[in-house]
Protein backbone atom coordinates (compact mmCIF):
# COMPACT_ATOMS: atom_id res chain seq x y z
CA MET A 1 -4.61 10.03 -12.06
CA THR A 2 -5.13 12.63 -9.32
CA GLU A 3 -8.42 12.22 -7.51
CA HIS A 4 -10.24 15.29 -6.18
CA ARG A 5 -12.65 15.31 -3.24
CA VAL A 6 -14.39 17.96 -1.20
CA LEU A 7 -13.64 18.08 2.52
CA ALA A 8 -15.37 20.52 4.83
CA VAL A 9 -13.10 22.40 7.23
CA SER A 10 -13.55 25.36 9.53
CA ALA A 11 -11.32 28.18 10.71
CA ARG A 12 -10.16 27.92 14.31
CA GLU A 13 -9.06 30.60 16.69
CA GLY A 14 -6.38 29.99 19.21
CA THR A 15 -3.52 27.55 18.88
CA GLY A 16 -2.72 26.83 22.50
CA LYS A 17 -3.18 23.51 24.27
CA GLY A 18 -6.48 24.58 25.78
CA ALA A 19 -7.98 25.47 22.39
CA THR A 20 -6.84 22.25 20.71
CA ARG A 21 -8.08 20.12 23.60
CA ALA A 22 -11.47 21.78 23.34
CA LEU A 23 -11.58 21.01 19.60
CA ARG A 24 -10.79 17.35 20.20
CA ARG A 25 -13.45 17.08 22.90
CA ASN A 26 -15.94 18.35 20.32
CA ASN A 27 -14.82 15.66 17.79
CA PHE A 28 -12.65 17.89 15.62
CA VAL A 29 -9.02 17.44 14.64
CA PRO A 30 -6.76 20.53 14.57
CA ALA A 31 -5.08 21.12 11.22
CA THR A 32 -2.74 23.58 9.52
CA LEU A 33 -2.98 24.82 5.92
CA TYR A 34 0.30 26.20 4.55
CA GLY A 35 2.17 26.92 1.31
CA GLY A 36 1.11 28.70 -1.85
CA ASN A 37 2.95 31.92 -0.93
CA GLU A 38 0.35 32.60 1.75
CA SER A 39 0.45 32.64 5.51
CA ALA A 40 -0.27 29.44 7.37
CA ALA A 41 -3.90 29.12 8.46
CA SER A 42 -5.23 27.23 11.49
CA ILE A 43 -8.22 25.08 10.56
CA ALA A 44 -10.14 22.09 11.91
CA VAL A 45 -11.69 19.02 10.29
CA ALA A 46 -14.41 16.77 11.68
CA SER A 47 -12.92 13.61 13.23
CA ARG A 48 -15.42 11.32 11.54
CA ALA A 49 -14.91 12.82 8.08
CA LEU A 50 -11.14 12.50 8.44
CA ALA A 51 -11.41 8.89 9.65
CA ILE A 52 -13.48 7.97 6.56
CA GLU A 53 -10.84 9.44 4.23
CA LEU A 54 -8.00 7.66 6.02
CA GLU A 55 -9.79 4.29 5.96
CA GLN A 56 -10.19 4.41 2.18
CA GLY A 57 -6.44 4.52 1.51
CA GLY A 58 -4.54 6.76 -0.91
CA PHE A 59 -4.95 9.70 1.45
CA TYR A 60 -1.56 11.26 0.66
CA THR A 61 -2.06 11.13 -3.12
CA ARG A 62 -5.54 12.65 -3.09
CA ILE A 63 -6.18 16.32 -3.81
CA TYR A 64 -8.87 17.92 -1.64
CA ASP A 65 -10.96 20.99 -2.27
CA LEU A 66 -11.17 22.26 1.27
CA ASN A 67 -14.47 24.02 1.75
CA LEU A 68 -13.55 26.81 4.16
CA ASP A 69 -16.49 29.10 4.90
CA GLY A 70 -17.79 28.79 1.35
CA LYS A 71 -14.36 29.21 -0.26
CA LYS A 72 -12.68 26.22 -1.94
CA ILE A 73 -8.96 25.84 -1.43
CA ARG A 74 -7.12 23.08 -3.28
CA ALA A 75 -4.75 21.21 -0.95
CA LEU A 76 -2.84 17.97 -0.53
CA PRO A 77 -2.45 16.14 2.82
CA ARG A 78 1.21 15.99 3.83
CA GLU A 79 1.27 14.57 7.35
CA VAL A 80 -1.08 13.13 9.96
CA GLN A 81 0.10 12.94 13.55
CA HIS A 82 -1.46 10.24 15.73
CA HIS A 83 -1.90 10.05 19.47
CA PRO A 84 0.94 7.90 20.89
CA VAL A 85 -1.45 5.83 23.04
CA SER A 86 -4.86 5.73 21.35
CA GLY A 87 -3.56 6.04 17.78
CA VAL A 88 -6.37 8.42 16.77
CA PRO A 89 -5.51 11.32 14.40
CA TYR A 90 -4.15 14.18 16.46
CA HIS A 91 -3.16 16.82 13.90
CA VAL A 92 -3.16 17.19 10.10
CA ASP A 93 -1.02 19.28 7.75
CA PHE A 94 -2.39 20.36 4.34
CA LEU A 95 -0.34 21.97 1.54
CA ARG A 96 -1.94 24.49 -0.81
CA VAL A 97 -1.35 23.38 -4.42
CA THR A 98 -2.16 24.12 -8.03
CA ASP A 99 -2.00 21.65 -10.92
CA ARG A 100 1.57 22.84 -11.60
CA THR A 101 2.89 22.52 -8.06
CA LYS A 102 5.91 20.19 -8.10
CA LEU A 103 5.81 17.51 -5.43
CA ARG A 104 7.50 14.45 -4.04
CA VAL A 105 4.84 11.92 -3.09
CA TRP A 106 4.75 8.28 -2.00
CA VAL A 107 2.59 6.26 -4.39
CA PRO A 108 1.33 2.75 -3.47
CA MET A 109 2.20 -0.25 -5.65
CA ARG A 110 -0.37 -2.71 -7.01
CA PHE A 111 0.56 -6.09 -8.51
CA ALA A 112 -1.88 -7.32 -11.17
CA ASN A 113 -2.47 -10.67 -12.92
CA GLU A 114 -1.07 -12.89 -10.16
CA GLU A 115 -3.17 -15.78 -11.51
CA SER A 116 -1.38 -15.48 -14.88
CA CYS A 117 2.15 -15.12 -13.50
CA VAL A 118 4.38 -17.93 -14.80
CA GLY A 119 6.56 -18.00 -11.69
CA LEU A 120 3.65 -18.00 -9.24
CA ARG A 121 1.92 -20.81 -11.15
CA GLU A 122 5.11 -22.84 -10.76
CA GLY A 123 4.89 -22.49 -6.99
CA GLY A 124 6.85 -19.28 -6.52
CA VAL A 125 6.08 -16.62 -3.93
CA LEU A 126 5.68 -12.89 -4.58
CA ASN A 127 8.18 -11.12 -2.31
CA ILE A 128 7.30 -7.41 -2.26
CA VAL A 129 10.36 -5.26 -1.57
CA ARG A 130 8.60 -1.87 -1.87
CA HIS A 131 4.91 -1.41 -1.12
CA GLU A 132 5.13 2.23 -2.21
CA VAL A 133 7.58 4.32 -4.21
CA GLU A 134 8.46 8.00 -3.87
CA MET A 135 7.83 9.93 -7.09
CA HIS A 136 8.49 13.35 -8.60
CA CYS A 137 5.33 14.77 -10.22
CA THR A 138 3.03 17.75 -10.33
CA ALA A 139 -0.08 18.07 -8.20
CA GLY A 140 -2.23 17.71 -11.29
CA ALA A 141 -0.66 14.38 -12.26
CA ILE A 142 -0.32 12.40 -9.04
CA PRO A 143 -0.91 8.68 -9.77
CA SER A 144 -3.31 7.04 -7.32
CA GLU A 145 -1.26 3.84 -7.69
CA LEU A 146 1.51 2.25 -9.74
CA VAL A 147 0.64 -1.05 -11.41
CA VAL A 148 2.97 -3.96 -12.25
CA ASP A 149 1.78 -6.69 -14.63
CA LEU A 150 3.09 -9.95 -13.12
CA ALA A 151 2.03 -12.19 -16.03
CA PRO A 152 5.41 -12.42 -17.84
CA PHE A 153 7.64 -12.98 -14.82
CA ALA A 154 9.14 -16.40 -14.09
CA LEU A 155 10.49 -18.12 -10.98
CA GLY A 156 13.61 -16.33 -9.74
CA ASP A 157 12.90 -13.07 -11.62
CA SER A 158 13.46 -9.65 -10.05
CA ILE A 159 10.94 -6.93 -10.91
CA HIS A 160 12.52 -3.49 -11.27
CA VAL A 161 10.99 -0.03 -11.47
CA ASP A 162 11.47 0.06 -15.25
CA ALA A 163 8.73 -2.59 -15.46
CA VAL A 164 6.19 0.01 -14.27
CA ASP A 165 4.32 1.97 -16.94
CA LEU A 166 4.68 5.47 -15.49
CA PRO A 167 2.39 8.33 -16.53
CA GLN A 168 3.93 11.21 -18.44
CA GLY A 169 5.79 13.62 -16.18
CA VAL A 170 6.09 11.11 -13.32
CA ARG A 171 9.52 9.74 -12.40
CA PRO A 172 11.05 8.01 -9.38
CA VAL A 173 13.02 10.07 -6.87
CA ILE A 174 15.67 7.32 -6.88
CA GLU A 175 17.35 7.45 -10.28
CA ARG A 176 18.74 3.90 -10.43
CA ASN A 177 16.67 0.93 -11.64
CA PHE A 178 15.84 -0.44 -8.19
CA THR A 179 14.00 -3.66 -7.28
CA ILE A 180 10.31 -3.54 -6.41
CA ALA A 181 9.59 -7.25 -5.96
CA THR A 182 10.90 -10.75 -6.71
CA ILE A 183 9.34 -14.08 -7.65
CA ALA A 184 11.08 -16.30 -5.11
CA ALA A 185 11.06 -20.06 -4.69
CA PRO A 186 9.08 -21.13 -1.60
CA SER A 187 11.03 -22.36 1.42
CA ALA A 188 9.97 -25.97 0.78
CA LEU A 189 11.44 -25.90 -2.73
CA ARG A 190 14.60 -24.22 -1.47
CA SER A 191 14.99 -26.87 1.25
CA GLU A 192 14.63 -29.69 -1.28
CA ALA A 193 17.20 -28.06 -3.55
CA GLU A 194 19.60 -27.53 -0.66
CA GLU A 195 19.17 -31.17 0.44
CA ALA A 196 19.84 -32.38 -3.10
CA GLU A 197 22.99 -30.26 -3.34
CA ALA A 198 24.17 -31.52 0.06
CA ALA A 199 23.52 -35.12 -0.98
CA GLU A 200 25.49 -34.64 -4.19
CA ALA A 201 28.39 -33.06 -2.29
CA GLU A 202 28.37 -35.88 0.26
CA ALA A 203 28.31 -38.51 -2.48
CA ALA A 204 31.22 -36.81 -4.24
CA GLU A 205 33.19 -36.67 -0.97
CA GLU A 206 32.50 -40.34 -0.25
CA GLY A 207 33.61 -41.22 -3.78
CA ALA A 208 36.85 -39.31 -3.32
CA GLU A 209 37.50 -41.05 0.00
CA ALA A 210 36.80 -44.46 -1.53
CA SER A 211 39.18 -43.71 -4.39
CA ALA A 212 41.90 -42.62 -1.97
CA THR A 213 41.39 -45.76 0.14
CA ALA A 214 41.63 -47.99 -2.93
CA GLU A 215 44.88 -46.32 -4.03
CA GLY A 216 46.30 -46.68 -0.53
CA GLY A 217 45.36 -50.39 -0.43
CA ASP A 218 47.14 -51.07 -3.74
CA ASP A 219 50.30 -49.41 -2.44
CA LYS A 220 50.27 -51.54 0.71
CA ALA A 221 49.71 -54.71 -1.32
CA THR A 222 52.68 -53.82 -3.55
CA GLU A 223 54.80 -53.14 -0.50
CA GLY A 224 53.85 -56.58 0.88
CA LYS A 225 54.87 -58.27 -2.35
CA ASP A 226 58.20 -56.40 -2.39
CA ASP A 227 58.95 -57.43 1.20
CA LYS A 228 58.13 -61.06 0.37
CA GLY A 229 60.51 -60.95 -2.59
CA LYS A 230 63.28 -59.59 -0.39
CA ASP A 231 62.72 -62.41 2.13
CA ASP A 232 62.85 -65.03 -0.63
CA LYS A 233 66.17 -63.65 -1.96
CA ALA A 234 67.65 -63.59 1.54
CA LYS A 235 66.61 -67.22 2.08
CA GLU A 236 68.18 -68.26 -1.22
CA GLY A 237 71.42 -66.56 -0.22
CA LYS A 238 71.59 -68.45 3.06
CA GLU A 239 71.00 -71.82 1.35
CA GLY A 240 73.76 -71.14 -1.19
CA ALA A 241 76.20 -70.36 1.61
């Protein structure tokens, strides 16, 4: 369930370009703390500390106790802006929360027991449609991940969201039973199947053509016999005259 960590932040004065540039030169990332029926606060977080949290994954589903001048404020990261050229974190938004705060969060998917999956053992390929799913939940019940047990799925199966064992109080934002992944046949198997189908269709077409040719040949042979009979009768008539 929801993971809590402590992250040291500091208050910052000034929100202009000069102030934020100075922060970044000193290896800090400007941030904003908002929500909770309080005014937005301008804060800063150490670049290195933020980079460590981002590298570990699950950043947007992790609750932080922000240590601001000795006071702990519970918050959830909502957005990280990155520099368009360097890609380094440029600004962070944190939302004040309590355990009862209702949220919409993106939760990563994890697929377990691949080695036991019937379809994968038969040569199938796991085709992941959604790497994460948006969920309704409270801040105190944010899942760190959603797990799908692949063991019972066979070749050609589609895995829907109802196959996920969701924690109590957690539900998808999308209400329909949407697809998360499929166990697809590999391209080599599909090519062989397509070739076999094409060969069968070609054989059937050739058989139909052969049958039509044979029927046409019989008709011509019959016509030849009829013409010969007419010639014989005409000859007999001449001789009698």
